[in-house]
Amino acid sequence: MEIDIKNIKAAYETATESEKTLLSTMFPDLALGQTEEKPVTERIKTFEDAVFALGDHPFVTEWRMGVDLSPDLEAYLQLRIICAALNEGWKPEFKGDEFRYTPWFRIYTKKEYEELDEDEKKRSCVAYQSSYIASAVGGMSYVFASDDSAYTFASIGSRLVLKTKELAEYCGRQFVDLWADYLLWPQQANNNEIYNHKKLKQ
């Protein structure tokens, strides 16, 4: 069952005190009745949070329609939802004076990662992949945010962008496993590697 956040907030405004308490308990992330809403980085911690925040957004509808998607495509559709939720309505216009940010990653071998100092390890968030691309002994680590499309390379896309450097850093660390699936998964995944996302989509 899909829940529309606008309808919940509208219901809260006309609810009795006991109904307001119930709604606030059922949907704590919406901060119903509070004058100051939590920062988006405190509200969007999981993919499910992002789906809930967007409600009946077209990205959510398209994701729900997908069946037997390969892991990289599944991850892309999920990251698209997450980025839209984190951007809170902002959309890139690709104007000359507009800055857009995207998480930036690097591949570490196990040896390279072990040679990092403790501060560098704390700043990194590593997703280990056992595919032939990343290798079982290496991992993909969030490194830093980079502006997107101002300098266009084949390795930099333009769809999964965020409005601030801070949001790009947060997205890269918080959702590093999804980024790894999107960027590193082999093109031909076998049937055992296909995500079963039907439960989430019901």
C-alpha atoms as a PDB file:
ATOM      1  CA  MET A   1       0.000   0.000   0.000  1.00  0.00           C
ATOM      2  CA  GLU A   2       1.377   3.405  -0.978  1.00  0.00           C
ATOM      3  CA  ILE A   3       1.095   6.249   1.523  1.00  0.00           C
ATOM      4  CA  ASP A   4       0.921   9.852   0.343  1.00  0.00           C
ATOM      5  CA  ILE A   5       2.776  12.160   2.735  1.00  0.00           C
ATOM      6  CA  LYS A   6       0.650  15.154   1.720  1.00  0.00           C
ATOM      7  CA  ASN A   7      -2.494  13.263   2.728  1.00  0.00           C
ATOM      8  CA  ILE A   8      -0.977  12.324   6.083  1.00  0.00           C
ATOM      9  CA  LYS A   9      -0.057  15.941   6.803  1.00  0.00           C
ATOM     10  CA  ALA A  10      -3.492  17.120   5.712  1.00  0.00           C
ATOM     11  CA  ALA A  11      -5.143  14.512   7.956  1.00  0.00           C
ATOM     12  CA  TYR A  12      -2.978  15.666  10.858  1.00  0.00           C
ATOM     13  CA  GLU A  13      -4.179  19.248  10.500  1.00  0.00           C
ATOM     14  CA  THR A  14      -7.840  18.250  10.929  1.00  0.00           C
ATOM     15  CA  ALA A  15      -7.329  15.424  13.446  1.00  0.00           C
ATOM     16  CA  THR A  16      -8.318  15.357  17.105  1.00  0.00           C
ATOM     17  CA  GLU A  17      -5.573  15.435  19.734  1.00  0.00           C
ATOM     18  CA  SER A  18      -5.675  11.660  20.194  1.00  0.00           C
ATOM     19  CA  GLU A  19      -5.572  11.150  16.404  1.00  0.00           C
ATOM     20  CA  LYS A  20      -2.613  13.550  16.145  1.00  0.00           C
ATOM     21  CA  THR A  21      -0.767  11.557  18.793  1.00  0.00           C
ATOM     22  CA  LEU A  22      -1.460   8.349  16.883  1.00  0.00           C
ATOM     23  CA  LEU A  23      -0.284   9.827  13.553  1.00  0.00           C
ATOM     24  CA  SER A  24       2.872  11.260  15.165  1.00  0.00           C
ATOM     25  CA  THR A  25       3.649   7.842  16.636  1.00  0.00           C
ATOM     26  CA  MET A  26       3.018   6.025  13.352  1.00  0.00           C
ATOM     27  CA  PHE A  27       5.089   8.477  11.265  1.00  0.00           C
ATOM     28  CA  PRO A  28       7.863   9.883  13.493  1.00  0.00           C
ATOM     29  CA  ASP A  29      10.085  10.822  10.539  1.00  0.00           C
ATOM     30  CA  LEU A  30       7.518  13.339   9.293  1.00  0.00           C
ATOM     31  CA  ALA A  31       7.877  15.459  12.474  1.00  0.00           C
ATOM     32  CA  LEU A  32       4.140  16.146  12.403  1.00  0.00           C
ATOM     33  CA  GLY A  33       3.154  19.223  14.400  1.00  0.00           C
ATOM     34  CA  GLN A  34       6.736  20.351  14.878  1.00  0.00           C
ATOM     35  CA  THR A  35       7.628  23.819  13.670  1.00  0.00           C
ATOM     36  CA  GLU A  36      11.159  22.782  12.700  1.00  0.00           C
ATOM     37  CA  GLU A  37      11.508  19.778  10.438  1.00  0.00           C
ATOM     38  CA  LYS A  38      14.532  17.542  10.887  1.00  0.00           C
ATOM     39  CA  PRO A  39      17.312  17.992   8.326  1.00  0.00           C
ATOM     40  CA  VAL A  40      16.888  15.745   5.300  1.00  0.00           C
ATOM     41  CA  THR A  41      20.017  13.787   6.261  1.00  0.00           C
ATOM     42  CA  GLU A  42      18.294  12.791   9.497  1.00  0.00           C
ATOM     43  CA  ARG A  43      15.055  11.848   7.737  1.00  0.00           C
ATOM     44  CA  ILE A  44      16.541   9.870   4.800  1.00  0.00           C
ATOM     45  CA  LYS A  45      18.674   7.125   6.310  1.00  0.00           C
ATOM     46  CA  THR A  46      17.451   4.183   4.205  1.00  0.00           C
ATOM     47  CA  PHE A  47      16.026   3.550   0.765  1.00  0.00           C
ATOM     48  CA  GLU A  48      12.645   2.912   2.419  1.00  0.00           C
ATOM     49  CA  ASP A  49      12.827   6.411   3.976  1.00  0.00           C
ATOM     50  CA  ALA A  50      13.359   7.897   0.507  1.00  0.00           C
ATOM     51  CA  VAL A  51      10.397   5.973  -0.955  1.00  0.00           C
ATOM     52  CA  PHE A  52       8.219   7.149   1.915  1.00  0.00           C
ATOM     53  CA  ALA A  53       9.372  10.767   1.526  1.00  0.00           C
ATOM     54  CA  LEU A  54       8.583  10.872  -2.217  1.00  0.00           C
ATOM     55  CA  GLY A  55       5.188   9.179  -1.926  1.00  0.00           C
ATOM     56  CA  ASP A  56       3.584   8.831  -5.366  1.00  0.00           C
ATOM     57  CA  HIS A  57       6.505  10.416  -7.249  1.00  0.00           C
ATOM     58  CA  PRO A  58       7.020   9.116 -10.835  1.00  0.00           C
ATOM     59  CA  PHE A  59      10.436   7.675  -9.865  1.00  0.00           C
ATOM     60  CA  VAL A  60       8.774   5.519  -7.213  1.00  0.00           C
ATOM     61  CA  THR A  61       6.065   4.412  -9.649  1.00  0.00           C
ATOM     62  CA  GLU A  62       8.645   3.392 -12.262  1.00  0.00           C
ATOM     63  CA  TRP A  63      10.691   1.501  -9.669  1.00  0.00           C
ATOM     64  CA  ARG A  64       7.611  -0.389  -8.481  1.00  0.00           C
ATOM     65  CA  MET A  65       6.839  -1.450 -12.057  1.00  0.00           C
ATOM     66  CA  GLY A  66      10.253  -3.058 -12.581  1.00  0.00           C
ATOM     67  CA  VAL A  67      10.503  -6.849 -12.360  1.00  0.00           C
ATOM     68  CA  ASP A  68      13.577  -9.108 -12.426  1.00  0.00           C
ATOM     69  CA  LEU A  69      15.921  -6.166 -12.862  1.00  0.00           C
ATOM     70  CA  SER A  70      19.658  -6.684 -12.994  1.00  0.00           C
ATOM     71  CA  PRO A  71      21.437  -5.409  -9.857  1.00  0.00           C
ATOM     72  CA  ASP A  72      22.993  -2.374 -11.544  1.00  0.00           C
ATOM     73  CA  LEU A  73      19.651  -1.202 -12.983  1.00  0.00           C
ATOM     74  CA  GLU A  74      17.876  -1.857  -9.687  1.00  0.00           C
ATOM     75  CA  ALA A  75      20.529   0.176  -7.872  1.00  0.00           C
ATOM     76  CA  TYR A  76      20.228   3.035 -10.382  1.00  0.00           C
ATOM     77  CA  LEU A  77      16.444   3.246  -9.928  1.00  0.00           C
ATOM     78  CA  GLN A  78      16.880   3.232  -6.156  1.00  0.00           C
ATOM     79  CA  LEU A  79      19.617   5.884  -6.230  1.00  0.00           C
ATOM     80  CA  ARG A  80      17.426   8.053  -8.437  1.00  0.00           C
ATOM     81  CA  ILE A  81      14.744   7.949  -5.729  1.00  0.00           C
ATOM     82  CA  ILE A  82      17.269   8.631  -2.965  1.00  0.00           C
ATOM     83  CA  CYS A  83      18.778  11.619  -4.790  1.00  0.00           C
ATOM     84  CA  ALA A  84      15.326  13.087  -5.474  1.00  0.00           C
ATOM     85  CA  ALA A  85      14.383  12.707  -1.804  1.00  0.00           C
ATOM     86  CA  LEU A  86      17.639  14.304  -0.618  1.00  0.00           C
ATOM     87  CA  ASN A  87      17.218  17.179  -3.087  1.00  0.00           C
ATOM     88  CA  GLU A  88      13.751  17.976  -1.637  1.00  0.00           C
ATOM     89  CA  GLY A  89      12.258  19.190  -4.897  1.00  0.00           C
ATOM     90  CA  TRP A  90      15.405  20.773  -6.374  1.00  0.00           C
ATOM     91  CA  LYS A  91      16.125  19.726  -9.962  1.00  0.00           C
ATOM     92  CA  PRO A  92      19.231  20.497 -12.019  1.00  0.00           C
ATOM     93  CA  GLU A  93      18.668  22.911 -14.885  1.00  0.00           C
ATOM     94  CA  PHE A  94      22.157  22.527 -16.412  1.00  0.00           C
ATOM     95  CA  LYS A  95      22.747  26.261 -16.632  1.00  0.00           C
ATOM     96  CA  GLY A  96      26.211  27.731 -16.883  1.00  0.00           C
ATOM     97  CA  ASP A  97      26.224  29.173 -13.350  1.00  0.00           C
ATOM     98  CA  GLU A  98      24.701  26.112 -11.676  1.00  0.00           C
ATOM     99  CA  PHE A  99      26.737  23.782  -9.505  1.00  0.00           C
ATOM    100  CA  ARG A 100      25.734  20.135  -9.158  1.00  0.00           C
ATOM    101  CA  TYR A 101      27.463  17.512  -7.059  1.00  0.00           C
ATOM    102  CA  THR A 102      27.844  13.755  -7.258  1.00  0.00           C
ATOM    103  CA  PRO A 103      29.629  11.319  -4.949  1.00  0.00           C
ATOM    104  CA  TRP A 104      33.116  10.358  -6.065  1.00  0.00           C
ATOM    105  CA  PHE A 105      34.662   6.973  -5.382  1.00  0.00           C
ATOM    106  CA  ARG A 106      37.878   5.079  -5.805  1.00  0.00           C
ATOM    107  CA  ILE A 107      38.771   1.396  -5.863  1.00  0.00           C
ATOM    108  CA  TYR A 108      41.106   0.160  -3.125  1.00  0.00           C
ATOM    109  CA  THR A 109      42.883  -3.132  -3.027  1.00  0.00           C
ATOM    110  CA  LYS A 110      42.902  -4.804   0.367  1.00  0.00           C
ATOM    111  CA  LYS A 111      46.580  -3.847   0.784  1.00  0.00           C
ATOM    112  CA  GLU A 112      45.930  -0.185  -0.100  1.00  0.00           C
ATOM    113  CA  TYR A 113      43.031   0.033   2.337  1.00  0.00           C
ATOM    114  CA  GLU A 114      45.065  -1.507   5.146  1.00  0.00           C
ATOM    115  CA  GLU A 115      47.816   1.073   4.526  1.00  0.00           C
ATOM    116  CA  LEU A 116      45.432   4.007   5.084  1.00  0.00           C
ATOM    117  CA  ASP A 117      45.826   5.783   8.405  1.00  0.00           C
ATOM    118  CA  GLU A 118      42.958   5.654  10.905  1.00  0.00           C
ATOM    119  CA  ASP A 119      41.637   9.120   9.972  1.00  0.00           C
ATOM    120  CA  GLU A 120      41.482   8.149   6.303  1.00  0.00           C
ATOM    121  CA  LYS A 121      39.678   4.928   7.184  1.00  0.00           C
ATOM    122  CA  LYS A 122      37.131   6.869   9.256  1.00  0.00           C
ATOM    123  CA  ARG A 123      36.476   9.251   6.364  1.00  0.00           C
ATOM    124  CA  SER A 124      35.974   6.335   3.986  1.00  0.00           C
ATOM    125  CA  CYS A 125      32.992   4.025   3.774  1.00  0.00           C
ATOM    126  CA  VAL A 126      33.886   0.830   1.984  1.00  0.00           C
ATOM    127  CA  ALA A 127      31.618  -1.547   0.093  1.00  0.00           C
ATOM    128  CA  TYR A 128      33.232  -4.880  -0.700  1.00  0.00           C
ATOM    129  CA  GLN A 129      32.202  -6.533  -3.943  1.00  0.00           C
ATOM    130  CA  SER A 130      32.932 -10.111  -4.899  1.00  0.00           C
ATOM    131  CA  SER A 131      32.561  -9.548  -8.620  1.00  0.00           C
ATOM    132  CA  TYR A 132      35.334  -9.762 -11.185  1.00  0.00           C
ATOM    133  CA  ILE A 133      35.364  -5.977 -11.511  1.00  0.00           C
ATOM    134  CA  ALA A 134      36.128  -4.990  -7.904  1.00  0.00           C
ATOM    135  CA  SER A 135      37.614  -8.341  -6.859  1.00  0.00           C
ATOM    136  CA  ALA A 136      36.884 -10.161  -3.648  1.00  0.00           C
ATOM    137  CA  VAL A 137      39.862  -8.616  -1.874  1.00  0.00           C
ATOM    138  CA  GLY A 138      39.198  -5.007  -2.813  1.00  0.00           C
ATOM    139  CA  GLY A 139      36.465  -2.513  -2.137  1.00  0.00           C
ATOM    140  CA  MET A 140      34.917   0.698  -3.345  1.00  0.00           C
ATOM    141  CA  SER A 141      35.255   3.655  -1.014  1.00  0.00           C
ATOM    142  CA  TYR A 142      33.544   7.030  -0.979  1.00  0.00           C
ATOM    143  CA  VAL A 143      36.288   9.626  -1.440  1.00  0.00           C
ATOM    144  CA  PHE A 144      34.880  13.121  -1.938  1.00  0.00           C
ATOM    145  CA  ALA A 145      32.179  15.040  -3.777  1.00  0.00           C
ATOM    146  CA  SER A 146      32.845  16.461  -7.211  1.00  0.00           C
ATOM    147  CA  ASP A 147      30.863  18.945  -9.240  1.00  0.00           C
ATOM    148  CA  ASP A 148      29.055  17.290 -12.094  1.00  0.00           C
ATOM    149  CA  SER A 149      28.797  18.218 -15.769  1.00  0.00           C
ATOM    150  CA  ALA A 150      30.976  21.306 -15.432  1.00  0.00           C
ATOM    151  CA  TYR A 151      33.778  18.990 -16.509  1.00  0.00           C
ATOM    152  CA  THR A 152      32.243  16.203 -18.511  1.00  0.00           C
ATOM    153  CA  PHE A 153      34.093  12.921 -18.764  1.00  0.00           C
ATOM    154  CA  ALA A 154      32.796   9.514 -19.783  1.00  0.00           C
ATOM    155  CA  SER A 155      33.190   8.468 -16.160  1.00  0.00           C
ATOM    156  CA  ILE A 156      30.922  11.216 -14.802  1.00  0.00           C
ATOM    157  CA  GLY A 157      27.166  11.070 -15.266  1.00  0.00           C
ATOM    158  CA  SER A 158      24.617  13.835 -14.975  1.00  0.00           C
ATOM    159  CA  ARG A 159      21.459  12.213 -13.599  1.00  0.00           C
ATOM    160  CA  LEU A 160      22.389  11.245 -10.039  1.00  0.00           C
ATOM    161  CA  VAL A 161      23.295  14.719  -8.840  1.00  0.00           C
ATOM    162  CA  LEU A 162      22.675  16.613  -5.615  1.00  0.00           C
ATOM    163  CA  LYS A 163      22.288  20.287  -4.880  1.00  0.00           C
ATOM    164  CA  THR A 164      25.116  20.583  -2.320  1.00  0.00           C
ATOM    165  CA  LYS A 165      28.515  19.087  -1.673  1.00  0.00           C
ATOM    166  CA  GLU A 166      27.354  18.040   1.799  1.00  0.00           C
ATOM    167  CA  LEU A 167      24.440  16.036   0.401  1.00  0.00           C
ATOM    168  CA  ALA A 168      26.736  14.331  -2.114  1.00  0.00           C
ATOM    169  CA  GLU A 169      29.131  13.375   0.676  1.00  0.00           C
ATOM    170  CA  TYR A 170      26.259  12.047   2.777  1.00  0.00           C
ATOM    171  CA  CYS A 171      24.738  10.097  -0.121  1.00  0.00           C
ATOM    172  CA  GLY A 172      28.094   8.543  -1.025  1.00  0.00           C
ATOM    173  CA  ARG A 173      28.748   7.326   2.505  1.00  0.00           C
ATOM    174  CA  GLN A 174      25.232   6.401   3.609  1.00  0.00           C
ATOM    175  CA  PHE A 175      24.345   4.484   0.445  1.00  0.00           C
ATOM    176  CA  VAL A 176      27.775   3.195  -0.596  1.00  0.00           C
ATOM    177  CA  ASP A 177      26.501  -0.370  -1.133  1.00  0.00           C
ATOM    178  CA  LEU A 178      23.925   0.824  -3.673  1.00  0.00           C
ATOM    179  CA  TRP A 179      26.562   2.936  -5.426  1.00  0.00           C
ATOM    180  CA  ALA A 180      28.816  -0.120  -5.605  1.00  0.00           C
ATOM    181  CA  ASP A 181      26.036  -2.213  -7.148  1.00  0.00           C
ATOM    182  CA  TYR A 182      25.329   0.555  -9.667  1.00  0.00           C
ATOM    183  CA  LEU A 183      28.945   1.249 -10.635  1.00  0.00           C
ATOM    184  CA  LEU A 184      30.687  -2.103 -10.298  1.00  0.00           C
ATOM    185  CA  TRP A 185      28.315  -5.014 -10.844  1.00  0.00           C
ATOM    186  CA  PRO A 186      29.095  -7.259 -13.841  1.00  0.00           C
ATOM    187  CA  GLN A 187      26.968  -6.569 -16.886  1.00  0.00           C
ATOM    188  CA  GLN A 188      25.696 -10.146 -17.026  1.00  0.00           C
ATOM    189  CA  ALA A 189      24.481 -11.144 -13.574  1.00  0.00           C
ATOM    190  CA  ASN A 190      23.294 -14.696 -13.134  1.00  0.00           C
ATOM    191  CA  ASN A 191      19.836 -15.539 -11.828  1.00  0.00           C
ATOM    192  CA  ASN A 192      21.075 -15.940  -8.265  1.00  0.00           C
ATOM    193  CA  GLU A 193      22.299 -12.328  -8.270  1.00  0.00           C
ATOM    194  CA  ILE A 194      19.028 -10.758  -9.385  1.00  0.00           C
ATOM    195  CA  TYR A 195      17.450  -8.773  -6.601  1.00  0.00           C
ATOM    196  CA  ASN A 196      14.115  -9.911  -5.252  1.00  0.00           C
ATOM    197  CA  HIS A 197      12.458  -6.602  -4.479  1.00  0.00           C
ATOM    198  CA  LYS A 198       8.826  -7.674  -4.671  1.00  0.00           C
ATOM    199  CA  LYS A 199       8.331  -7.403  -0.928  1.00  0.00           C
ATOM    200  CA  LEU A 200       9.298  -3.721  -0.896  1.00  0.00           C
ATOM    201  CA  LYS A 201       7.161  -2.958  -3.921  1.00  0.00           C
ATOM    202  CA  GLN A 202       3.934  -4.385  -2.506  1.00  0.00           C
END
